[in-house]
């Protein structure tokens, strides 16, 4: 089955699109779409889920892991 997946436009900058990111939970289970990040480097908007809480706008940085 072919389906088209359209990435949502960033509502903050209106220039980028939001890219979904996945991660793994504590028990190793995959978490799809844990975070969404704007692909416009000048914007930096992001939204994510941590322990069931939604946060957005945090500074994007490199992980020490």
N, C-alpha and C. Protein backbone atom coordinates (compact mmCIF):
# COMPACT_ATOMS: atom_id res chain seq x y z
N UNK A 1 0.84 -1.16 0.00
CA UNK A 1 0.00 0.00 0.00
C UNK A 1 0.89 1.24 0.00
N UNK A 2 0.77 2.06 -1.00
CA UNK A 2 1.52 3.31 -1.08
C UNK A 2 0.68 4.42 -0.47
N UNK A 3 1.31 5.19 0.40
CA UNK A 3 0.62 6.34 0.96
C UNK A 3 1.60 7.50 1.01
N UNK A 4 1.08 8.66 0.75
CA UNK A 4 1.91 9.86 0.76
C UNK A 4 1.89 10.46 2.15
N UNK A 5 3.06 10.79 2.66
CA UNK A 5 3.20 11.39 3.98
C UNK A 5 3.73 12.80 3.78
N UNK A 6 2.94 13.79 4.11
CA UNK A 6 3.33 15.18 3.96
C UNK A 6 3.78 15.72 5.31
N UNK A 7 4.98 16.27 5.36
CA UNK A 7 5.49 16.85 6.59
C UNK A 7 4.79 18.18 6.86
N UNK A 8 4.44 18.45 8.12
CA UNK A 8 3.75 19.70 8.44
C UNK A 8 4.69 20.90 8.37
N UNK A 9 4.15 22.02 7.94
CA UNK A 9 4.91 23.26 7.89
C UNK A 9 5.11 23.78 9.31
N UNK A 10 6.27 24.36 9.56
CA UNK A 10 6.56 24.95 10.87
C UNK A 10 5.70 26.20 11.04
N UNK A 11 4.94 26.24 12.12
CA UNK A 11 4.05 27.37 12.38
C UNK A 11 4.81 28.56 12.96
N UNK A 12 6.04 28.33 13.43
CA UNK A 12 6.82 29.43 14.00
C UNK A 12 7.46 30.28 12.91
N UNK A 13 8.19 29.63 11.98
CA UNK A 13 8.92 30.40 10.97
C UNK A 13 8.23 30.43 9.61
N UNK A 14 7.33 29.51 9.36
CA UNK A 14 6.62 29.41 8.09
C UNK A 14 7.53 29.05 6.90
N UNK A 15 8.82 28.83 7.15
CA UNK A 15 9.75 28.52 6.05
C UNK A 15 10.18 27.06 6.04
N UNK A 16 10.23 26.44 7.21
CA UNK A 16 10.70 25.07 7.31
C UNK A 16 9.54 24.09 7.46
N UNK A 17 9.91 22.83 7.50
CA UNK A 17 8.94 21.77 7.78
C UNK A 17 9.40 21.06 9.04
N UNK A 18 8.46 20.43 9.75
CA UNK A 18 8.79 19.70 10.96
C UNK A 18 9.17 18.27 10.62
N UNK A 19 10.35 17.87 11.05
CA UNK A 19 10.90 16.55 10.79
C UNK A 19 10.67 15.69 12.03
N UNK A 20 10.03 14.50 11.89
CA UNK A 20 9.83 13.65 13.06
C UNK A 20 11.10 12.89 13.43
N UNK A 21 11.33 12.77 14.73
CA UNK A 21 12.47 12.01 15.24
C UNK A 21 11.96 10.92 16.18
N UNK A 22 12.62 9.79 16.17
CA UNK A 22 12.24 8.66 17.02
C UNK A 22 13.33 8.40 18.04
N UNK A 23 13.01 7.61 19.05
CA UNK A 23 13.96 7.28 20.11
C UNK A 23 13.60 5.92 20.67
N UNK A 24 14.28 5.51 21.70
CA UNK A 24 13.99 4.26 22.39
C UNK A 24 13.67 4.55 23.84
N UNK A 25 12.70 3.84 24.39
CA UNK A 25 12.32 4.00 25.79
C UNK A 25 13.30 3.29 26.72
N UNK A 26 13.01 3.36 28.00
CA UNK A 26 13.89 2.76 29.02
C UNK A 26 14.07 1.27 28.82
N UNK A 27 13.01 0.59 28.38
CA UNK A 27 13.08 -0.85 28.19
C UNK A 27 13.49 -1.24 26.78
N UNK A 28 13.91 -0.28 25.98
CA UNK A 28 14.36 -0.55 24.63
C UNK A 28 13.26 -0.55 23.58
N UNK A 29 12.04 -0.24 23.98
CA UNK A 29 10.93 -0.21 23.02
C UNK A 29 11.03 1.07 22.17
N UNK A 30 10.81 0.95 20.87
CA UNK A 30 10.89 2.14 20.02
C UNK A 30 9.75 3.11 20.31
N UNK A 31 10.08 4.40 20.28
CA UNK A 31 9.08 5.47 20.43
C UNK A 31 9.10 6.27 19.14
N UNK A 32 8.09 6.07 18.31
CA UNK A 32 8.01 6.80 17.05
C UNK A 32 7.50 8.21 17.30
N UNK A 33 8.06 9.14 16.59
CA UNK A 33 7.65 10.54 16.64
C UNK A 33 7.73 11.11 18.06
N UNK A 34 8.83 10.84 18.74
CA UNK A 34 9.03 11.39 20.08
C UNK A 34 9.25 12.89 20.03
N UNK A 35 9.84 13.36 18.95
CA UNK A 35 10.13 14.79 18.82
C UNK A 35 9.92 15.22 17.37
N UNK A 36 9.63 16.48 17.21
CA UNK A 36 9.53 17.10 15.89
C UNK A 36 10.42 18.33 15.91
N UNK A 37 11.25 18.50 14.86
CA UNK A 37 12.20 19.60 14.82
C UNK A 37 12.08 20.30 13.47
N UNK A 38 12.11 21.63 13.50
CA UNK A 38 12.07 22.40 12.25
C UNK A 38 13.39 22.23 11.52
N UNK A 39 13.32 22.01 10.22
CA UNK A 39 14.55 21.81 9.45
C UNK A 39 15.20 23.13 9.03
N UNK A 40 14.62 24.26 9.39
CA UNK A 40 15.21 25.57 9.11
C UNK A 40 16.19 25.88 10.25
N UNK A 41 17.51 25.90 9.98
CA UNK A 41 18.49 26.09 11.05
C UNK A 41 18.35 27.43 11.76
N UNK A 42 17.81 28.43 11.11
CA UNK A 42 17.62 29.73 11.74
C UNK A 42 16.45 29.73 12.71
N UNK A 43 15.54 28.79 12.59
CA UNK A 43 14.34 28.73 13.43
C UNK A 43 14.61 27.96 14.72
N UNK A 44 14.93 26.70 14.61
CA UNK A 44 15.24 25.88 15.77
C UNK A 44 14.04 25.43 16.59
N UNK A 45 12.80 25.62 16.09
CA UNK A 45 11.63 25.18 16.85
C UNK A 45 11.64 23.67 17.01
N UNK A 46 11.25 23.20 18.19
CA UNK A 46 11.15 21.77 18.43
C UNK A 46 10.08 21.50 19.46
N UNK A 47 9.49 20.33 19.36
CA UNK A 47 8.49 19.88 20.31
C UNK A 47 8.77 18.42 20.60
N UNK A 48 8.67 18.02 21.88
CA UNK A 48 9.02 16.65 22.24
C UNK A 48 8.20 16.14 23.41
N UNK A 49 8.21 14.83 23.57
CA UNK A 49 7.51 14.18 24.68
C UNK A 49 8.57 13.54 25.58
N UNK A 50 8.54 13.88 26.86
CA UNK A 50 9.43 13.29 27.85
C UNK A 50 8.61 12.82 29.04
N UNK A 51 8.63 11.52 29.28
CA UNK A 51 7.89 10.94 30.41
C UNK A 51 6.43 11.38 30.42
N UNK A 52 5.82 11.44 29.25
CA UNK A 52 4.41 11.79 29.13
C UNK A 52 4.12 13.27 29.14
N UNK A 53 5.13 14.11 29.28
CA UNK A 53 4.94 15.56 29.27
C UNK A 53 5.44 16.14 27.96
N UNK A 54 4.69 17.09 27.43
CA UNK A 54 5.04 17.74 26.17
C UNK A 54 5.81 19.02 26.49
N UNK A 55 6.96 19.20 25.84
CA UNK A 55 7.72 20.43 25.99
C UNK A 55 8.07 20.96 24.61
N UNK A 56 8.24 22.26 24.51
CA UNK A 56 8.60 22.82 23.22
C UNK A 56 9.49 24.04 23.41
N UNK A 57 10.22 24.35 22.35
CA UNK A 57 11.05 25.54 22.33
C UNK A 57 12.36 25.44 23.09
N UNK A 58 12.69 24.26 23.61
CA UNK A 58 13.97 24.13 24.31
C UNK A 58 15.11 24.30 23.32
N UNK A 59 16.24 24.77 23.82
CA UNK A 59 17.42 24.95 22.98
C UNK A 59 17.88 23.59 22.47
N UNK A 60 18.18 23.53 21.20
CA UNK A 60 18.68 22.30 20.59
C UNK A 60 20.18 22.24 20.78
N UNK A 61 20.65 21.11 21.25
CA UNK A 61 22.09 20.94 21.46
C UNK A 61 22.48 19.50 21.19
N UNK A 62 23.74 19.21 21.39
CA UNK A 62 24.24 17.87 21.18
C UNK A 62 24.13 17.08 22.49
N UNK A 63 23.78 15.83 22.37
CA UNK A 63 23.70 14.96 23.53
C UNK A 63 25.07 14.48 23.95
N UNK A 64 25.24 14.29 25.24
CA UNK A 64 26.51 13.77 25.73
C UNK A 64 26.57 12.26 25.66
N UNK A 65 25.47 11.64 25.25
CA UNK A 65 25.39 10.19 25.17
C UNK A 65 26.00 9.66 23.90
